Each structure stands twice: as C-alpha cells, then as structure tokens.
C-alpha cells in the first residue's frame, strides 16, 4: 500500500482517536494526524505511535476542511509519490480490508475521484440518536453525488480542484464533490464496510445542535452552488424554510381567528409528514418498521433546528461576520496506554 496515505483529523477524541490510529497504522504507508487544540494528550499518543503530527495554528479560524487540507499538504510534501489519500475523522476506525478494496475499485474506474463505502455506528444501541446516525449512513451504492468525511480520494483530482473549501464550517465534503463532478470526475459508493463511527450522542440537545450545523451547511452550500444547473441543496433549503419556519408561523398567526384550533392541527400535520417519510422508506430501505418510524419522526422534527441553522448562516453573512464551528460532542475520556 505504498501509494496510499491517510489523513486523520481530531480534537479531544480520547479513546476514539486511539482506535482510529490503531486501525490505520501499518495498513497504509503514511499516516498524518492533524490536531485542533486537543487537551487530552492526543498529540503525544499519536507521536508515540510513529504518526506524523500537525498542531493546527488556532490563531486562524479552525474548520475541519482546513485541517484536512493541511494534513494533505504535509502528506504530499513528505511523500510526493502518494497516489491516494484516505481521509478519516478521529472518531472513526477504518475497517480491515477497506483500503485494498478502495484501491481495487480505483484501478477499475480511472474517472473516479473519490470512493466511499458503508459507515456504521459503533454503538447504535447506546441511544436513539446514535441509531439515527447509523440509519443516516445507510445510503445507496453506485455513482453518487457526494461522499462524507471518510473517503479515499485520488490525489490528482483533489489537487486539481484545490481541495476542501477552508471557510466552510460544515458540509465541506459534498461541496468538494460538486467541484469534482463539475471538473469531470465521478464519486463512487461501493458495497463494502469502510469505517466504524462513534457519534457519542446521548442527549436530545446534542442531536438538535448537530441538525443546526446541518442547516448551516445546507444554506452555505446552496449560496455557493445553488444556481442552475447544479441547484445544490436547493430542495433541502426550501423544505427546511417551509416546514421549519413558514408553516409554524402561519399556524400561529391563524391561532387568533381560529381560537387556537390551528395550533391543535400542527401535531397532526407534522405527524402525517413523518408517516409519509416512513412510507417512502418502506419502498427504498430494508429497515424495520420501528426504524422507519423513528427516522420519519426525527427527520420531521429536524426541520426546525435545520431552519434555525439556515437563518444563523444568513444573518452572519448579511452582517459580514465569520461563522464559528458548531460542536455537538463533549471531550472523550482518554484511555491509559
């Protein structure tokens, strides 16, 4: 695997980072870890494993996109013969055999810029929010429009489009994929186990904040590439604005002339919407009835925090203010080594 390098990014991931680095050291020729101001001994542990470590300069605005770009730049500077780069977040582990499968797919598809596989939650039973993440990762295989933060990329393609957009605080991977596709490359999702992910979400407030971040990413991505023919995130942004903001306001306004009856109708309207999502999933996913209902309910509720994230992005943009990263996790416990 001499042609493959790995770029890991993280911040206070503790035991999650230990598992992550353990899954790639010795599996790829070169591993670079980019740390974003951890206080849990992450950099010390990474160096003890023989990993190249970059301490990100936090005097400049931090984004995951910037961390990945700096990791890639160091990888190519130190090892210019690298052909493929596996990006992986510090809260994930790379599945045994994934790197070889991804390289094999690249060999058969010269126009592929990125290859990704199945990302799974390590502890889906820990909370319904972790379970929702596991369902979220269960997406169709084939030529797709985007990949996530865990993906192997062809270095030439990555460099051609200038890498990730440093300014994006979220949604940097789909935005990169837009530019890759516009440059003539394709994005592939294959039927293979790729990574284990640890969302570590046990509270509703974490899930809410994660969806605020998603809404922010939708609005920012739409602002960059929403014009035809791409229409990037146009559908999501409109849906969130409608169901997460406009419809509730209309029902509240109607509460006065209807003596509150319109408010009583809100749960019915949104309940029917959740059932509609669940019904669609019955045709497209091999999930249980419980999983379809769970996903439908939370996709519907998620319209509200996502609409809030979209509004936050627009306010910041109108005021000319930079946006800060939105974190939903707490620092992990560091394991003894």
Protein backbone atom coordinates (compact mmCIF):
# COMPACT_ATOMS: atom_id res chain seq x y z
CA UNK A 1 0.00 0.00 0.00
CA UNK A 2 2.96 2.32 -0.65
CA UNK A 3 0.83 4.60 -2.82
CA UNK A 4 -1.72 5.27 -0.04
CA UNK A 5 -1.55 7.90 2.69
CA UNK A 6 -4.02 8.58 5.49
CA UNK A 7 -5.02 11.96 6.92
CA UNK A 8 -6.73 11.85 10.30
CA UNK A 9 -8.21 14.94 11.95
CA UNK A 10 -9.35 15.26 15.54
CA UNK A 11 -9.86 17.26 18.69
CA UNK A 12 -10.12 15.71 22.15
CA UNK A 13 -11.25 12.36 20.78
CA UNK A 14 -9.54 10.35 23.52
CA UNK A 15 -10.15 6.60 23.17
CA UNK A 16 -11.86 7.18 19.83
CA UNK A 17 -8.60 8.51 18.39
CA UNK A 18 -6.68 5.57 19.86
CA UNK A 19 -8.94 3.17 17.99
CA UNK A 20 -8.76 5.30 14.85
CA UNK A 21 -4.97 5.43 14.64
CA UNK A 22 -4.72 1.77 15.57
CA UNK A 23 -6.88 0.92 12.56
CA UNK A 24 -4.60 2.65 10.02
CA UNK A 25 -1.05 2.45 11.34
CA UNK A 26 0.61 -0.40 9.46
CA UNK A 27 -2.27 -0.57 6.95
CA UNK A 28 -1.08 2.41 4.86
CA UNK A 29 2.40 3.64 4.04
CA UNK A 30 1.99 7.05 5.65
CA UNK A 31 -0.29 8.49 8.33
CA UNK A 32 -0.66 12.18 9.19
CA UNK A 33 -2.69 13.33 12.21
CA UNK A 34 -3.90 16.93 12.37
CA UNK A 35 -4.83 18.06 15.87
CA UNK A 36 -7.01 21.07 16.55
CA UNK A 37 -6.02 22.14 20.03
CA UNK A 38 -6.64 18.95 21.99
CA UNK A 39 -6.04 18.99 25.73
CA UNK A 40 -6.33 15.22 26.25
CA UNK A 41 -2.87 14.07 25.21
CA UNK A 42 -3.90 13.17 21.68
CA UNK A 43 -0.75 14.55 20.03
CA UNK A 44 1.54 12.76 22.49
CA UNK A 45 -0.17 9.46 21.85
CA UNK A 46 -0.08 9.93 18.08
CA UNK A 47 3.65 10.68 18.11
CA UNK A 48 4.29 7.61 20.27
CA UNK A 49 2.66 5.56 17.53
CA UNK A 50 5.06 6.99 14.96
CA UNK A 51 2.45 9.15 13.28
CA UNK A 52 3.34 12.49 11.67
CA UNK A 53 1.55 15.15 13.77
CA UNK A 54 0.46 18.66 12.83
CA UNK A 55 -0.63 21.04 15.58
CA UNK A 56 -3.07 23.32 13.80
CA UNK A 57 -2.47 27.04 14.30
CA UNK A 58 -5.62 28.12 16.13
CA UNK A 59 -4.88 31.82 15.73
CA UNK A 60 -6.65 31.36 12.40
CA UNK A 61 -10.27 30.20 12.19
CA UNK A 62 -10.50 26.44 12.57
CA UNK A 63 -12.52 24.23 10.25
CA UNK A 64 -12.35 20.51 9.51
CA UNK A 65 -11.80 21.48 5.87
CA UNK A 66 -8.68 23.47 6.77
CA UNK A 67 -7.38 20.63 8.95
CA UNK A 68 -7.78 18.11 6.12
CA UNK A 69 -6.12 20.45 3.62
CA UNK A 70 -3.11 21.00 5.87
CA UNK A 71 -2.84 17.28 6.51
CA UNK A 72 -2.92 16.58 2.79
CA UNK A 73 -0.31 19.26 2.08
CA UNK A 74 2.05 17.73 4.66
CA UNK A 75 1.44 14.24 3.28
CA UNK A 76 2.33 15.29 -0.28
CA UNK A 77 5.28 17.38 0.89
CA UNK A 78 6.77 14.48 2.83
CA UNK A 79 5.72 11.72 0.44
CA UNK A 80 5.23 13.19 -3.06
CA UNK A 81 4.66 9.77 -4.63
CA UNK A 82 1.36 9.30 -2.79
CA UNK A 83 -1.43 8.44 -5.28
CA UNK A 84 -4.43 8.05 -3.00
CA UNK A 85 -5.38 9.66 0.31
CA UNK A 86 -7.79 8.19 2.82
CA UNK A 87 -9.45 10.93 4.86
CA UNK A 88 -10.87 9.77 8.17
CA UNK A 89 -12.18 11.59 11.23
CA UNK A 90 -10.66 10.86 14.61
CA UNK A 91 -13.93 9.43 15.93
CA UNK A 92 -13.86 6.65 13.31
CA UNK A 93 -12.00 3.40 12.69
CA UNK A 94 -11.10 2.13 9.25
CA UNK A 95 -12.42 -1.36 8.61
CA UNK A 96 -9.95 -4.15 7.89
CA UNK A 97 -9.69 -4.66 4.15
CA UNK A 98 -11.22 -1.31 3.21
CA UNK A 99 -8.06 0.28 1.84
CA UNK A 100 -7.37 -2.65 -0.50
CA UNK A 101 -10.99 -2.68 -1.71
CA UNK A 102 -10.97 1.05 -2.42
CA UNK A 103 -7.69 0.83 -4.36
CA UNK A 104 -9.08 -2.08 -6.36
CA UNK A 105 -12.12 -0.01 -7.30
CA UNK A 106 -9.95 2.91 -8.39
CA UNK A 107 -7.99 0.54 -10.64
CA UNK A 108 -11.21 -0.31 -12.49
CA UNK A 109 -12.52 3.27 -12.72
CA UNK A 110 -10.00 5.81 -13.95
CA UNK A 111 -12.53 8.63 -13.77
CA UNK A 112 -13.29 8.11 -10.08
CA UNK A 113 -12.13 10.94 -7.83
CA UNK A 114 -13.47 9.52 -4.57
CA UNK A 115 -14.55 6.11 -3.31
CA UNK A 116 -16.50 5.57 -0.11
CA UNK A 117 -18.28 2.61 1.47
CA UNK A 118 -20.57 1.80 4.39
CA UNK A 119 -20.02 3.83 7.51
CA UNK A 120 -21.58 2.30 10.62
CA UNK A 121 -22.17 3.47 14.15
CA UNK A 122 -20.08 1.53 16.66
CA UNK A 123 -22.69 1.85 19.43
CA UNK A 124 -26.11 2.23 17.76
CA UNK A 125 -27.80 0.71 20.78
CA UNK A 126 -26.42 3.37 23.14
CA UNK A 127 -29.12 5.90 22.22
CA UNK A 128 -31.76 6.57 19.60
CA UNK A 129 -29.57 9.39 18.35
CA UNK A 130 -26.69 7.01 17.61
CA UNK A 131 -29.19 4.69 15.97
CA UNK A 132 -30.39 7.56 13.76
CA UNK A 133 -26.80 8.19 12.66
CA UNK A 134 -26.41 4.54 11.69
CA UNK A 135 -29.55 4.78 9.57
CA UNK A 136 -28.33 8.04 8.04
CA UNK A 137 -25.14 6.34 6.83
CA UNK A 138 -27.15 3.60 5.07
CA UNK A 139 -27.23 5.09 1.58
CA UNK A 140 -27.42 3.50 -1.90
CA UNK A 141 -24.31 2.32 -3.73
CA UNK A 142 -23.22 3.30 -7.22
CA UNK A 143 -22.17 6.61 -8.75
CA UNK A 144 -23.38 9.23 -6.28
CA UNK A 145 -23.27 12.97 -5.91
CA UNK A 146 -21.27 13.18 -2.70
CA UNK A 147 -19.27 11.37 -0.06
CA UNK A 148 -18.76 12.08 3.62
CA UNK A 149 -15.70 12.88 5.70
CA UNK A 150 -14.50 9.27 5.46
CA UNK A 151 -13.48 8.59 1.88
CA UNK A 152 -10.48 7.70 -0.24
CA UNK A 153 -9.60 10.26 -2.89
CA UNK A 154 -7.36 10.35 -5.91
CA UNK A 155 -4.65 12.89 -5.10
CA UNK A 156 -4.52 14.30 -8.64
CA UNK A 157 -8.26 15.01 -8.61
CA UNK A 158 -8.12 16.53 -5.15
CA UNK A 159 -5.31 18.87 -6.16
CA UNK A 160 -6.96 19.77 -9.46
CA UNK A 161 -9.97 21.36 -7.75
CA UNK A 162 -7.99 22.95 -4.91
CA UNK A 163 -9.04 20.62 -2.10
CA UNK A 164 -11.63 21.49 0.51
CA UNK A 165 -13.01 24.98 0.97
CA UNK A 166 -11.27 26.19 4.15
CA UNK A 167 -14.04 28.62 5.06
CA UNK A 168 -16.84 26.05 5.39
CA UNK A 169 -17.60 25.06 8.99
CA UNK A 170 -19.64 22.04 7.85
CA UNK A 171 -20.70 20.28 4.67
CA UNK A 172 -17.26 20.64 3.12
CA UNK A 173 -17.27 17.13 1.61
CA UNK A 174 -20.43 17.49 -0.57
CA UNK A 175 -19.23 20.94 -1.65
CA UNK A 176 -15.89 19.46 -2.74
CA UNK A 177 -17.76 16.75 -4.63
CA UNK A 178 -19.72 19.41 -6.55
CA UNK A 179 -16.46 20.84 -7.85
CA UNK A 180 -15.04 17.39 -8.60
CA UNK A 181 -18.12 16.46 -10.63
CA UNK A 182 -18.02 19.79 -12.46
CA UNK A 183 -14.40 19.04 -13.37
CA UNK A 184 -15.49 15.76 -14.98
CA UNK A 185 -14.72 13.33 -12.15
CA UNK A 186 -17.16 10.87 -10.55
CA UNK A 187 -17.89 9.89 -6.94
CA UNK A 188 -18.41 6.20 -6.15
CA UNK A 189 -20.05 4.49 -3.17
CA UNK A 190 -19.31 0.76 -3.10
CA UNK A 191 -20.86 -2.14 -1.23
CA UNK A 192 -18.06 -2.56 1.30
CA UNK A 193 -17.55 -1.94 5.01
CA UNK A 194 -15.49 1.25 5.34
CA UNK A 195 -15.50 2.72 8.85
CA UNK A 196 -16.97 2.49 12.33
CA UNK A 197 -18.10 5.85 13.70
CA UNK A 198 -18.78 6.87 17.28
CA UNK A 199 -21.32 9.69 17.35
CA UNK A 200 -21.43 9.60 21.17
CA UNK A 201 -24.84 11.31 21.19
CA UNK A 202 -26.86 10.59 24.30
CA UNK A 203 -28.86 13.81 24.66
CA UNK A 204 -31.55 15.50 22.60
CA UNK A 205 -29.59 18.77 22.83
CA UNK A 206 -26.65 17.14 21.01
CA UNK A 207 -28.92 15.87 18.25
CA UNK A 208 -30.50 19.34 17.96
CA UNK A 209 -27.14 21.08 17.67
CA UNK A 210 -25.98 18.59 15.05
CA UNK A 211 -29.04 19.47 12.97
CA UNK A 212 -28.43 23.20 13.41
CA UNK A 213 -25.00 22.55 11.93
CA UNK A 214 -26.56 20.62 9.06
CA UNK A 215 -28.90 23.51 8.30
CA UNK A 216 -25.98 25.92 8.30
CA UNK A 217 -24.15 23.63 5.84
CA UNK A 218 -27.20 23.42 3.56
CA UNK A 219 -27.57 27.20 3.40
CA UNK A 220 -23.87 27.86 2.83
CA UNK A 221 -23.57 25.16 0.18
CA UNK A 222 -26.69 26.49 -1.53
CA UNK A 223 -25.25 30.01 -1.54
CA UNK A 224 -22.15 28.70 -3.33
CA UNK A 225 -23.68 26.30 -5.84
CA UNK A 226 -27.46 26.77 -5.72
CA UNK A 227 -27.74 28.32 -9.17
CA UNK A 228 -28.87 26.12 -12.10
CA UNK A 229 -27.99 23.64 -13.36
CA UNK A 230 -26.45 22.32 -10.11
CA UNK A 231 -29.16 23.60 -7.76
CA UNK A 232 -27.05 22.35 -4.86
CA UNK A 233 -29.08 21.88 -1.64
CA UNK A 234 -31.97 23.85 -3.12
CA UNK A 235 -34.51 21.18 -2.23
CA UNK A 236 -33.29 20.83 1.37
CA UNK A 237 -33.12 24.57 1.98
CA UNK A 238 -36.61 25.22 0.64
CA UNK A 239 -38.08 22.33 2.61
CA UNK A 240 -36.48 23.48 5.86
CA UNK A 241 -37.60 27.07 5.33
CA UNK A 242 -41.13 25.93 4.61
CA UNK A 243 -41.66 23.32 7.33
CA UNK A 244 -39.24 24.62 9.93
CA UNK A 245 -40.23 28.29 9.77
CA UNK A 246 -43.00 29.41 7.41
CA UNK A 247 -45.68 26.82 8.22
CA UNK A 248 -45.39 27.15 12.02
CA UNK A 249 -45.60 30.94 11.76
CA UNK A 250 -48.72 30.73 9.59
CA UNK A 251 -50.39 28.39 12.06
CA UNK A 252 -49.51 30.73 14.94
CA UNK A 253 -50.98 33.71 13.08
CA UNK A 254 -54.15 31.73 12.43
CA UNK A 255 -54.44 30.88 16.12
CA UNK A 256 -56.26 34.15 16.84
CA UNK A 257 -59.07 33.89 14.25
CA UNK A 258 -59.44 30.12 14.84
CA UNK A 259 -59.44 30.45 18.65
CA UNK A 260 -56.37 28.22 18.88
CA UNK A 261 -57.66 25.46 16.61
CA UNK A 262 -54.78 25.94 14.18
CA UNK A 263 -52.28 25.17 16.95
CA UNK A 264 -54.03 21.87 17.62
CA UNK A 265 -53.67 20.96 13.96
CA UNK A 266 -49.87 21.33 13.98
CA UNK A 267 -49.11 17.90 15.51
CA UNK A 268 -51.48 16.28 13.02
CA UNK A 269 -49.85 17.96 10.02
CA UNK A 270 -46.33 17.08 11.11
CA UNK A 271 -47.36 13.60 12.18
CA UNK A 272 -48.70 12.92 8.69
CA UNK A 273 -45.45 14.24 7.27
CA UNK A 274 -43.45 11.78 9.42
CA UNK A 275 -45.67 8.91 8.28
CA UNK A 276 -45.15 9.91 4.67
CA UNK A 277 -41.37 9.72 5.13
CA UNK A 278 -41.69 6.31 6.79
CA UNK A 279 -43.88 5.04 3.96
CA UNK A 280 -41.30 6.16 1.38
CA UNK A 281 -38.55 4.36 3.34
CA UNK A 282 -40.53 1.11 3.19
CA UNK A 283 -40.02 1.14 -0.58
CA UNK A 284 -36.38 2.20 -0.58
CA UNK A 285 -34.75 0.73 2.56
CA UNK A 286 -34.69 -2.67 4.19
CA UNK A 287 -35.34 -1.22 7.62
CA UNK A 288 -37.68 -2.42 10.34
CA UNK A 289 -40.99 -0.64 10.94
CA UNK A 290 -39.57 0.88 14.13
CA UNK A 291 -36.55 2.24 12.24
CA UNK A 292 -38.71 3.75 9.51
CA UNK A 293 -40.96 5.47 12.05
CA UNK A 294 -38.01 6.64 14.14
CA UNK A 295 -36.30 8.13 11.13
CA UNK A 296 -39.51 9.71 9.80
CA UNK A 297 -40.28 11.37 13.14
CA UNK A 298 -36.81 12.79 13.63
CA UNK A 299 -36.41 13.90 10.00
CA UNK A 300 -39.62 15.88 10.51
CA UNK A 301 -38.55 17.37 13.86
CA UNK A 302 -35.15 18.12 12.32
CA UNK A 303 -36.74 20.72 10.03
CA UNK A 304 -36.84 23.13 12.98
CA UNK A 305 -33.15 23.12 14.02
CA UNK A 306 -32.09 22.98 10.37
CA UNK A 307 -34.19 26.05 9.60
CA UNK A 308 -32.55 27.74 12.59
CA UNK A 309 -29.11 26.88 11.22
CA UNK A 310 -30.04 28.33 7.84
CA UNK A 311 -31.20 31.56 9.48
CA UNK A 312 -27.99 31.77 11.51
CA UNK A 313 -25.89 31.46 8.36
CA UNK A 314 -27.89 34.15 6.55
CA UNK A 315 -27.66 36.56 9.50
CA UNK A 316 -23.90 36.10 9.75
CA UNK A 317 -23.49 36.52 6.00
CA UNK A 318 -25.60 39.69 5.95
CA UNK A 319 -23.57 41.13 8.83
CA UNK A 320 -20.29 40.12 7.20
CA UNK A 321 -19.30 38.10 10.27
CA UNK A 322 -17.33 34.85 10.17
CA UNK A 323 -19.12 31.77 11.44
CA UNK A 324 -17.74 29.51 14.16
CA UNK A 325 -17.74 25.74 14.21
CA UNK A 326 -20.75 24.08 15.81
CA UNK A 327 -19.72 21.18 18.06
CA UNK A 328 -22.21 18.70 19.48
CA UNK A 329 -19.77 16.33 21.22
CA UNK A 330 -18.09 16.51 24.59
CA UNK A 331 -14.45 15.59 25.03
CA UNK A 332 -13.86 11.85 25.25
CA UNK A 333 -12.15 10.09 28.09
CA UNK A 334 -8.52 9.28 27.40
CA UNK A 335 -7.59 5.65 27.78
CA UNK A 336 -4.38 4.68 29.56
CA UNK A 337 -1.67 3.44 27.25
